[in-house]
């Protein structure tokens, strides 16, 4: 009961209690999924690109919605037919370069008529489609990816190791 006699201690206890209540309310009621939710709900954001705010009318601070529910499609550069497009954006794979294993699989698939594949060492859409066709015909699990089982089936079909 000494806190009643000392007002500074009373305010400290009151502040700590209020902070604890805010944390508990946020944890119990305001969390949605695995990401943290703010103490106050986000303002409604217009989702269409045509409804962009007029810069003349905007007088307050600019509101940016950082939630993962809104994505903007990035403009892609036109792809040429000479370079195969990678299946996914993978900067590490770009640094490593073409894979000799994928190159060997592409050669075998092209030689045995599983599509018009240009051996490049990069797993592009044409290669994935050829792999899927081979996997379906040989009753393998269809993944469209180069795997040890795919390579061993190709080696059994050709009669020599795929390298």
N, C-alpha and C. Protein backbone atom coordinates (compact mmCIF):
# COMPACT_ATOMS: atom_id res chain seq x y z
N UNK A 1 0.82 -1.21 0.00
CA UNK A 1 0.00 0.00 0.00
C UNK A 1 0.85 1.25 0.00
N UNK A 2 2.13 1.12 -0.19
CA UNK A 2 2.99 2.29 -0.26
C UNK A 2 2.79 3.04 -1.57
N UNK A 3 2.25 2.35 -2.61
CA UNK A 3 2.04 3.00 -3.89
C UNK A 3 1.01 4.11 -3.77
N UNK A 4 0.07 3.99 -2.85
CA UNK A 4 -0.93 5.04 -2.66
C UNK A 4 -0.27 6.30 -2.11
N UNK A 5 0.72 6.13 -1.27
CA UNK A 5 1.40 7.27 -0.67
C UNK A 5 2.35 7.95 -1.66
N UNK A 6 2.78 7.22 -2.70
CA UNK A 6 3.72 7.79 -3.66
C UNK A 6 3.04 7.84 -5.03
N UNK A 7 2.63 9.03 -5.49
CA UNK A 7 1.90 9.14 -6.76
C UNK A 7 2.71 8.68 -7.97
N UNK A 8 4.02 8.82 -7.97
CA UNK A 8 4.84 8.40 -9.10
C UNK A 8 4.73 6.89 -9.28
N UNK A 9 4.77 6.14 -8.20
CA UNK A 9 4.62 4.69 -8.27
C UNK A 9 3.22 4.31 -8.76
N UNK A 10 2.22 5.06 -8.35
CA UNK A 10 0.85 4.79 -8.78
C UNK A 10 0.72 4.94 -10.29
N UNK A 11 1.31 5.99 -10.86
CA UNK A 11 1.25 6.20 -12.31
C UNK A 11 2.05 5.12 -13.05
N UNK A 12 3.15 4.68 -12.49
CA UNK A 12 3.95 3.63 -13.12
C UNK A 12 3.17 2.31 -13.16
N UNK A 13 2.51 1.99 -12.06
CA UNK A 13 1.70 0.77 -12.01
C UNK A 13 0.53 0.87 -12.98
N UNK A 14 -0.11 2.04 -13.03
CA UNK A 14 -1.23 2.25 -13.94
C UNK A 14 -0.77 2.14 -15.40
N UNK A 15 0.39 2.71 -15.75
CA UNK A 15 0.92 2.62 -17.12
C UNK A 15 1.29 1.20 -17.50
N UNK A 16 1.90 0.46 -16.58
CA UNK A 16 2.26 -0.93 -16.85
C UNK A 16 1.01 -1.78 -17.04
N UNK A 17 -0.01 -1.53 -16.24
CA UNK A 17 -1.27 -2.28 -16.36
C UNK A 17 -1.94 -1.98 -17.70
N UNK A 18 -1.95 -0.72 -18.12
CA UNK A 18 -2.58 -0.35 -19.39
C UNK A 18 -1.81 -0.98 -20.56
N UNK A 19 -0.48 -0.98 -20.51
CA UNK A 19 0.31 -1.59 -21.58
C UNK A 19 0.06 -3.09 -21.65
N UNK A 20 -0.05 -3.73 -20.50
CA UNK A 20 -0.33 -5.17 -20.46
C UNK A 20 -1.69 -5.48 -21.06
N UNK A 21 -2.69 -4.67 -20.74
CA UNK A 21 -4.03 -4.89 -21.28
C UNK A 21 -4.03 -4.69 -22.80
N UNK A 22 -3.33 -3.66 -23.29
CA UNK A 22 -3.25 -3.44 -24.74
C UNK A 22 -2.57 -4.62 -25.44
N UNK A 23 -1.53 -5.16 -24.86
CA UNK A 23 -0.84 -6.29 -25.47
C UNK A 23 -1.74 -7.51 -25.51
N UNK A 24 -2.44 -7.77 -24.43
CA UNK A 24 -3.34 -8.93 -24.38
C UNK A 24 -4.49 -8.76 -25.37
N UNK A 25 -5.09 -7.57 -25.44
CA UNK A 25 -6.18 -7.33 -26.38
C UNK A 25 -5.69 -7.51 -27.82
N UNK A 26 -4.51 -6.99 -28.12
CA UNK A 26 -3.95 -7.14 -29.46
C UNK A 26 -3.69 -8.61 -29.77
N UNK A 27 -3.13 -9.34 -28.83
CA UNK A 27 -2.81 -10.75 -29.07
C UNK A 27 -4.06 -11.60 -29.23
N UNK A 28 -5.09 -11.32 -28.46
CA UNK A 28 -6.27 -12.17 -28.47
C UNK A 28 -7.26 -11.79 -29.56
N UNK A 29 -7.52 -10.50 -29.74
CA UNK A 29 -8.61 -10.08 -30.62
C UNK A 29 -8.17 -9.54 -31.97
N UNK A 30 -7.02 -8.96 -32.07
CA UNK A 30 -6.65 -8.26 -33.30
C UNK A 30 -5.70 -9.05 -34.21
N UNK A 31 -5.30 -10.25 -33.82
CA UNK A 31 -4.40 -11.04 -34.65
C UNK A 31 -5.21 -11.86 -35.64
N UNK A 32 -4.81 -11.82 -36.92
CA UNK A 32 -5.45 -12.65 -37.93
C UNK A 32 -4.36 -13.46 -38.61
N UNK A 33 -4.33 -14.73 -38.37
CA UNK A 33 -3.32 -15.58 -38.98
C UNK A 33 -1.99 -15.47 -38.28
N UNK A 34 -0.93 -15.66 -39.04
CA UNK A 34 0.41 -15.70 -38.47
C UNK A 34 1.08 -14.34 -38.42
N UNK A 35 0.54 -13.35 -39.10
CA UNK A 35 1.21 -12.05 -39.11
C UNK A 35 0.58 -11.14 -38.05
N UNK A 36 1.35 -10.22 -37.50
CA UNK A 36 0.82 -9.34 -36.47
C UNK A 36 -0.17 -8.33 -37.05
N UNK A 37 -1.16 -7.99 -36.25
CA UNK A 37 -2.16 -7.01 -36.66
C UNK A 37 -1.91 -5.71 -35.90
N UNK A 38 -2.28 -4.59 -36.48
CA UNK A 38 -2.07 -3.30 -35.81
C UNK A 38 -3.09 -3.11 -34.68
N UNK A 39 -2.81 -2.15 -33.81
CA UNK A 39 -3.75 -1.82 -32.75
C UNK A 39 -5.03 -1.23 -33.32
N UNK A 40 -4.89 -0.46 -34.39
CA UNK A 40 -6.04 0.17 -35.03
C UNK A 40 -6.18 -0.41 -36.43
N UNK A 41 -7.39 -0.65 -36.87
CA UNK A 41 -7.62 -1.25 -38.18
C UNK A 41 -7.12 -0.33 -39.28
N UNK A 42 -6.61 -0.94 -40.36
CA UNK A 42 -6.13 -0.17 -41.51
C UNK A 42 -7.31 0.51 -42.20
N UNK A 43 -7.12 1.71 -42.73
CA UNK A 43 -8.19 2.34 -43.48
C UNK A 43 -8.44 1.60 -44.78
N UNK A 44 -9.65 1.71 -45.28
CA UNK A 44 -10.00 1.03 -46.54
C UNK A 44 -9.18 1.62 -47.68
N UNK A 45 -8.65 0.75 -48.52
CA UNK A 45 -7.83 1.16 -49.65
C UNK A 45 -8.55 0.76 -50.92
N UNK A 46 -8.56 1.68 -51.91
CA UNK A 46 -9.20 1.36 -53.19
C UNK A 46 -8.34 0.34 -53.90
N UNK A 47 -8.98 -0.73 -54.42
CA UNK A 47 -8.23 -1.84 -55.00
C UNK A 47 -8.06 -1.74 -56.50
N UNK A 48 -8.74 -0.86 -57.17
CA UNK A 48 -8.62 -0.78 -58.62
C UNK A 48 -7.57 0.24 -59.01
N UNK A 49 -6.92 -0.02 -60.13
CA UNK A 49 -5.88 0.90 -60.60
C UNK A 49 -6.51 2.18 -61.18
N UNK A 50 -7.77 2.10 -61.67
CA UNK A 50 -8.41 3.26 -62.25
C UNK A 50 -8.79 4.29 -61.18
N UNK A 51 -8.93 3.86 -59.97
CA UNK A 51 -9.40 4.75 -58.91
C UNK A 51 -8.22 5.32 -58.12
N UNK A 52 -7.17 5.70 -58.80
CA UNK A 52 -6.01 6.28 -58.15
C UNK A 52 -6.37 7.67 -57.62
N UNK A 53 -5.90 8.03 -56.43
CA UNK A 53 -6.25 9.34 -55.86
C UNK A 53 -5.61 10.47 -56.67
N UNK A 54 -6.33 11.56 -56.74
CA UNK A 54 -5.85 12.74 -57.44
C UNK A 54 -4.84 13.44 -56.54
N UNK A 55 -3.61 13.72 -57.00
CA UNK A 55 -2.61 14.32 -56.14
C UNK A 55 -3.00 15.72 -55.66
N UNK A 56 -3.87 16.41 -56.39
CA UNK A 56 -4.28 17.75 -55.98
C UNK A 56 -5.19 17.66 -54.77
N UNK A 57 -6.06 16.64 -54.72
CA UNK A 57 -7.01 16.49 -53.63
C UNK A 57 -6.36 15.96 -52.36
N UNK A 58 -5.22 15.32 -52.46
CA UNK A 58 -4.60 14.70 -51.30
C UNK A 58 -3.90 15.77 -50.47
N UNK A 59 -4.38 15.96 -49.24
CA UNK A 59 -3.80 16.99 -48.39
C UNK A 59 -3.07 16.40 -47.19
N UNK A 60 -3.48 15.22 -46.74
CA UNK A 60 -2.88 14.59 -45.57
C UNK A 60 -1.72 13.71 -45.95
N UNK A 61 -1.22 12.96 -44.98
CA UNK A 61 -0.12 12.04 -45.28
C UNK A 61 -0.59 10.92 -46.20
N UNK A 62 0.31 10.43 -46.98
CA UNK A 62 0.00 9.36 -47.94
C UNK A 62 -0.11 8.03 -47.20
N UNK A 63 -1.17 7.27 -47.45
CA UNK A 63 -1.41 6.00 -46.79
C UNK A 63 -0.94 4.90 -47.73
N UNK A 64 -0.08 4.04 -47.23
CA UNK A 64 0.43 2.92 -48.01
C UNK A 64 -0.02 1.64 -47.35
N UNK A 65 -0.68 0.79 -48.12
CA UNK A 65 -1.15 -0.48 -47.59
C UNK A 65 -0.03 -1.51 -47.75
N UNK A 66 0.49 -2.00 -46.64
CA UNK A 66 1.62 -2.93 -46.66
C UNK A 66 1.16 -4.38 -46.49
N UNK A 67 -0.14 -4.64 -46.55
CA UNK A 67 -0.61 -6.02 -46.35
C UNK A 67 -0.29 -6.86 -47.56
N UNK A 68 -0.23 -8.15 -47.35
CA UNK A 68 0.12 -9.09 -48.41
C UNK A 68 -1.07 -9.45 -49.28
N UNK A 69 -2.24 -8.89 -49.00
CA UNK A 69 -3.43 -9.24 -49.77
C UNK A 69 -3.50 -8.51 -51.09
N UNK A 70 -2.79 -7.41 -51.23
CA UNK A 70 -2.83 -6.64 -52.48
C UNK A 70 -1.49 -6.79 -53.17
N UNK A 71 -1.52 -7.25 -54.40
CA UNK A 71 -0.29 -7.37 -55.17
C UNK A 71 -0.45 -6.60 -56.47
N UNK A 72 0.65 -6.09 -56.93
CA UNK A 72 0.66 -5.36 -58.18
C UNK A 72 1.46 -6.18 -59.18
N UNK A 73 0.89 -6.44 -60.32
CA UNK A 73 1.59 -7.21 -61.34
C UNK A 73 2.67 -6.34 -61.96
N UNK A 74 3.89 -6.82 -61.90
CA UNK A 74 5.01 -6.07 -62.46
C UNK A 74 5.01 -6.23 -63.98
N UNK A 75 5.39 -5.18 -64.64
CA UNK A 75 5.45 -5.23 -66.10
C UNK A 75 6.65 -6.08 -66.50
N UNK A 76 6.41 -7.08 -67.34
CA UNK A 76 7.48 -7.96 -67.77
C UNK A 76 8.00 -7.50 -69.12
N UNK A 77 9.31 -7.60 -69.30
CA UNK A 77 9.84 -7.27 -70.62
C UNK A 77 9.43 -8.35 -71.61
N UNK A 78 9.27 -7.99 -72.88
CA UNK A 78 8.89 -9.01 -73.86
C UNK A 78 9.97 -10.07 -73.96
N UNK A 79 9.53 -11.34 -74.04
CA UNK A 79 10.47 -12.44 -74.10
C UNK A 79 10.73 -12.80 -75.56
N UNK A 80 11.99 -13.07 -75.85
CA UNK A 80 12.35 -13.45 -77.20
C UNK A 80 12.25 -14.96 -77.33
N UNK A 81 12.07 -15.45 -78.54
CA UNK A 81 11.94 -16.88 -78.77
C UNK A 81 13.29 -17.58 -78.66
N UNK A 82 14.40 -16.84 -78.79
CA UNK A 82 15.71 -17.46 -78.77
C UNK A 82 16.10 -17.91 -77.37
N UNK A 83 15.75 -17.15 -76.34
CA UNK A 83 16.13 -17.49 -74.97
C UNK A 83 14.94 -18.14 -74.26
N UNK A 84 15.12 -19.34 -73.72
CA UNK A 84 14.03 -19.98 -72.99
C UNK A 84 13.76 -19.25 -71.69
N UNK A 85 12.50 -19.17 -71.32
CA UNK A 85 12.15 -18.47 -70.09
C UNK A 85 12.24 -19.44 -68.92
N UNK A 86 12.89 -19.04 -67.82
CA UNK A 86 12.96 -19.91 -66.66
C UNK A 86 11.56 -20.13 -66.09
N UNK A 87 11.39 -21.26 -65.41
CA UNK A 87 10.08 -21.60 -64.85
C UNK A 87 9.71 -20.67 -63.72
N UNK A 88 10.67 -20.18 -62.97
CA UNK A 88 10.39 -19.28 -61.85
C UNK A 88 11.52 -18.26 -61.74
N UNK A 89 11.28 -17.21 -61.04
CA UNK A 89 12.29 -16.18 -60.83
C UNK A 89 13.21 -16.66 -59.72
N UNK A 90 14.40 -17.13 -60.07
CA UNK A 90 15.33 -17.67 -59.11
C UNK A 90 16.70 -17.04 -59.33
N UNK A 91 17.04 -15.99 -58.57
CA UNK A 91 18.31 -15.31 -58.80
C UNK A 91 19.52 -16.18 -58.51
N UNK A 92 19.40 -17.14 -57.59
CA UNK A 92 20.53 -18.03 -57.31
C UNK A 92 20.81 -18.91 -58.52
N UNK A 93 19.74 -19.45 -59.13
CA UNK A 93 19.91 -20.29 -60.32
C UNK A 93 20.50 -19.48 -61.47
N UNK A 94 20.14 -18.19 -61.55
CA UNK A 94 20.71 -17.34 -62.59
C UNK A 94 22.21 -17.17 -62.40
N UNK A 95 22.66 -17.10 -61.15
CA UNK A 95 24.09 -16.96 -60.88
C UNK A 95 24.84 -18.25 -61.18
N UNK A 96 24.21 -19.37 -60.91
CA UNK A 96 24.87 -20.67 -61.12
C UNK A 96 25.00 -20.96 -62.60
N UNK A 97 23.95 -20.67 -63.36
CA UNK A 97 23.99 -20.92 -64.79
C UNK A 97 23.30 -22.20 -65.16
N UNK A 98 23.45 -22.62 -66.42
CA UNK A 98 22.76 -23.82 -66.90
C UNK A 98 23.26 -25.07 -66.17
N UNK A 99 22.34 -26.01 -65.98
CA UNK A 99 22.65 -27.25 -65.30
C UNK A 99 23.00 -28.33 -66.32
N UNK A 100 24.13 -29.01 -66.17
CA UNK A 100 24.46 -30.08 -67.10
C UNK A 100 23.47 -31.25 -67.03
N UNK A 101 22.90 -31.48 -65.87
CA UNK A 101 21.92 -32.56 -65.72
C UNK A 101 20.65 -32.24 -66.52
N UNK A 102 20.17 -31.01 -66.41
CA UNK A 102 18.98 -30.61 -67.17
C UNK A 102 19.29 -30.64 -68.66
N UNK A 103 20.49 -30.23 -69.03
CA UNK A 103 20.92 -30.25 -70.43
C UNK A 103 20.88 -31.68 -70.99
N UNK A 104 21.36 -32.66 -70.21
CA UNK A 104 21.35 -34.05 -70.66
C UNK A 104 19.92 -34.57 -70.78
N UNK A 105 19.06 -34.22 -69.81
CA UNK A 105 17.65 -34.65 -69.87
C UNK A 105 16.98 -34.03 -71.10
N UNK A 106 17.26 -32.75 -71.37
CA UNK A 106 16.67 -32.09 -72.53
C UNK A 106 17.09 -32.79 -73.83
N UNK A 107 18.37 -33.17 -73.93
CA UNK A 107 18.85 -33.85 -75.14
C UNK A 107 18.13 -35.17 -75.35
N UNK A 108 18.00 -35.97 -74.28
CA UNK A 108 17.34 -37.27 -74.41
C UNK A 108 15.88 -37.08 -74.78
N UNK A 109 15.18 -36.17 -74.11
CA UNK A 109 13.77 -35.95 -74.41
C UNK A 109 13.58 -35.46 -75.85
N UNK A 110 14.46 -34.59 -76.31
CA UNK A 110 14.36 -34.09 -77.68
C UNK A 110 14.65 -35.20 -78.69
N UNK A 111 15.65 -36.04 -78.42
CA UNK A 111 16.01 -37.13 -79.34
C UNK A 111 14.92 -38.18 -79.43
N UNK A 112 14.15 -38.38 -78.36
CA UNK A 112 13.12 -39.41 -78.36
C UNK A 112 11.73 -38.84 -78.61
N UNK A 113 11.64 -37.62 -79.10
CA UNK A 113 10.38 -37.06 -79.57
C UNK A 113 9.40 -36.62 -78.50
N UNK A 114 9.87 -36.12 -77.40
CA UNK A 114 8.97 -35.65 -76.34
C UNK A 114 8.77 -34.15 -76.39
N UNK A 115 8.91 -33.55 -77.53
CA UNK A 115 8.66 -32.12 -77.66
C UNK A 115 9.79 -31.43 -78.39
N UNK A 116 9.52 -30.21 -78.80
CA UNK A 116 10.54 -29.41 -79.47
C UNK A 116 11.30 -28.64 -78.40
N UNK A 117 12.36 -29.25 -77.94
CA UNK A 117 13.14 -28.68 -76.84
C UNK A 117 14.49 -28.25 -77.38
N UNK A 118 14.89 -27.05 -77.02
CA UNK A 118 16.23 -26.59 -77.34
C UNK A 118 17.08 -26.82 -76.09
N UNK A 119 18.06 -27.72 -76.17
CA UNK A 119 18.89 -27.98 -74.99
C UNK A 119 19.63 -26.72 -74.55
N UNK A 120 19.25 -26.21 -73.38
CA UNK A 120 19.85 -24.99 -72.85
C UNK A 120 20.37 -25.16 -71.44
N UNK A 121 19.96 -26.22 -70.76
CA UNK A 121 20.37 -26.41 -69.37
C UNK A 121 19.50 -25.68 -68.38
N UNK A 122 18.44 -25.04 -68.87
CA UNK A 122 17.52 -24.30 -68.01
C UNK A 122 16.16 -24.96 -68.08
N UNK A 123 15.54 -25.18 -66.94
CA UNK A 123 14.23 -25.83 -66.89
C UNK A 123 13.16 -24.81 -67.28
N UNK A 124 12.82 -24.81 -68.58
CA UNK A 124 11.80 -23.88 -69.07
C UNK A 124 10.48 -24.62 -69.22
N UNK A 125 9.46 -23.92 -69.72
CA UNK A 125 8.12 -24.51 -69.84
C UNK A 125 8.10 -25.69 -70.81
N UNK A 126 8.80 -25.58 -71.93
CA UNK A 126 8.81 -26.67 -72.91
C UNK A 126 9.43 -27.93 -72.31
N UNK A 127 10.49 -27.76 -71.54
CA UNK A 127 11.13 -28.90 -70.90
C UNK A 127 10.20 -29.52 -69.85
N UNK A 128 9.55 -28.69 -69.07
CA UNK A 128 8.62 -29.19 -68.05
C UNK A 128 7.47 -29.96 -68.70
N UNK A 129 6.95 -29.46 -69.81
CA UNK A 129 5.87 -30.16 -70.50
C UNK A 129 6.35 -31.50 -71.06
N UNK A 130 7.56 -31.54 -71.59
CA UNK A 130 8.11 -32.79 -72.10
C UNK A 130 8.33 -33.79 -70.98
N UNK A 131 8.82 -33.32 -69.84
CA UNK A 131 9.01 -34.20 -68.68
C UNK A 131 7.67 -34.75 -68.22
N UNK A 132 6.65 -33.87 -68.14
CA UNK A 132 5.32 -34.33 -67.73
C UNK A 132 4.77 -35.38 -68.70
N UNK A 133 4.98 -35.18 -70.01
CA UNK A 133 4.52 -36.15 -71.01
C UNK A 133 5.23 -37.49 -70.81
N UNK A 134 6.54 -37.45 -70.60
CA UNK A 134 7.30 -38.68 -70.36
C UNK A 134 6.82 -39.37 -69.09
N UNK A 135 6.61 -38.59 -68.02
CA UNK A 135 6.16 -39.18 -66.75
C UNK A 135 4.79 -39.83 -66.89
N UNK A 136 3.89 -39.19 -67.65
CA UNK A 136 2.56 -39.78 -67.85
C UNK A 136 2.66 -41.09 -68.63
N UNK A 137 3.45 -41.09 -69.70
CA UNK A 137 3.57 -42.29 -70.53
C UNK A 137 4.23 -43.45 -69.80
N UNK A 138 5.10 -43.16 -68.85
CA UNK A 138 5.81 -44.21 -68.13
C UNK A 138 5.23 -44.42 -66.72
N UNK A 139 4.03 -43.87 -66.49
CA UNK A 139 3.30 -44.06 -65.24
C UNK A 139 4.13 -43.68 -64.01
N UNK A 140 4.81 -42.54 -64.12
CA UNK A 140 5.56 -41.98 -63.00
C UNK A 140 4.72 -40.87 -62.37
N UNK A 141 5.02 -40.49 -61.14
CA UNK A 141 4.33 -39.32 -60.57
C UNK A 141 4.66 -38.07 -61.40
N UNK A 142 3.62 -37.37 -61.87
CA UNK A 142 3.81 -36.23 -62.75
C UNK A 142 4.21 -35.01 -61.93
N UNK A 143 5.43 -34.52 -62.17
CA UNK A 143 5.91 -33.34 -61.45
C UNK A 143 6.43 -32.26 -62.40
N UNK A 144 6.91 -32.67 -63.57
CA UNK A 144 7.47 -31.69 -64.49
C UNK A 144 8.86 -31.23 -64.10
N UNK A 145 9.47 -31.90 -63.16
CA UNK A 145 10.80 -31.53 -62.67
C UNK A 145 11.79 -32.67 -62.91
N UNK A 146 13.06 -32.33 -62.96
CA UNK A 146 14.11 -33.33 -63.11
C UNK A 146 14.34 -33.97 -61.75
N UNK A 147 14.22 -35.30 -61.70
CA UNK A 147 14.44 -36.03 -60.45
C UNK A 147 15.33 -37.23 -60.73
N UNK A 148 15.81 -37.86 -59.66
CA UNK A 148 16.65 -39.06 -59.82
C UNK A 148 15.88 -40.17 -60.51
N UNK A 149 14.60 -40.31 -60.17
CA UNK A 149 13.79 -41.36 -60.79
C UNK A 149 13.61 -41.11 -62.28
N UNK A 150 13.40 -39.84 -62.66
CA UNK A 150 13.26 -39.49 -64.07
C UNK A 150 14.54 -39.83 -64.83
N UNK A 151 15.68 -39.46 -64.26
CA UNK A 151 16.96 -39.70 -64.92
C UNK A 151 17.20 -41.21 -65.07
N UNK A 152 16.86 -42.00 -64.03
CA UNK A 152 17.06 -43.45 -64.14
C UNK A 152 16.12 -44.07 -65.16
N UNK A 153 14.88 -43.58 -65.27
CA UNK A 153 13.95 -44.08 -66.29
C UNK A 153 14.44 -43.72 -67.70
N UNK A 154 14.97 -42.51 -67.86
CA UNK A 154 15.52 -42.11 -69.16
C UNK A 154 16.72 -42.97 -69.51
N UNK A 155 17.56 -43.27 -68.52
CA UNK A 155 18.73 -44.11 -68.76
C UNK A 155 18.30 -45.52 -69.15
N UNK A 156 17.25 -46.04 -68.51
CA UNK A 156 16.76 -47.38 -68.85
C UNK A 156 16.18 -47.38 -70.27
N UNK A 157 15.53 -46.29 -70.65
CA UNK A 157 14.93 -46.21 -71.98
C UNK A 157 16.01 -46.13 -73.06
N UNK A 158 17.06 -45.34 -72.81
CA UNK A 158 18.10 -45.15 -73.83
C UNK A 158 19.13 -46.27 -73.82
N UNK A 159 19.28 -46.94 -72.70
CA UNK A 159 20.28 -48.01 -72.60
C UNK A 159 21.66 -47.53 -72.21
N UNK A 160 21.79 -46.25 -71.89
CA UNK A 160 23.08 -45.73 -71.42
C UNK A 160 22.79 -44.64 -70.39
N UNK A 161 23.77 -44.33 -69.54
CA UNK A 161 23.56 -43.30 -68.51
C UNK A 161 23.29 -41.94 -69.13
N UNK A 162 22.43 -41.19 -68.49
CA UNK A 162 22.12 -39.83 -68.94
C UNK A 162 23.11 -38.90 -68.27
N UNK A 163 23.98 -38.32 -69.09
CA UNK A 163 25.00 -37.41 -68.55
C UNK A 163 25.10 -36.17 -69.37
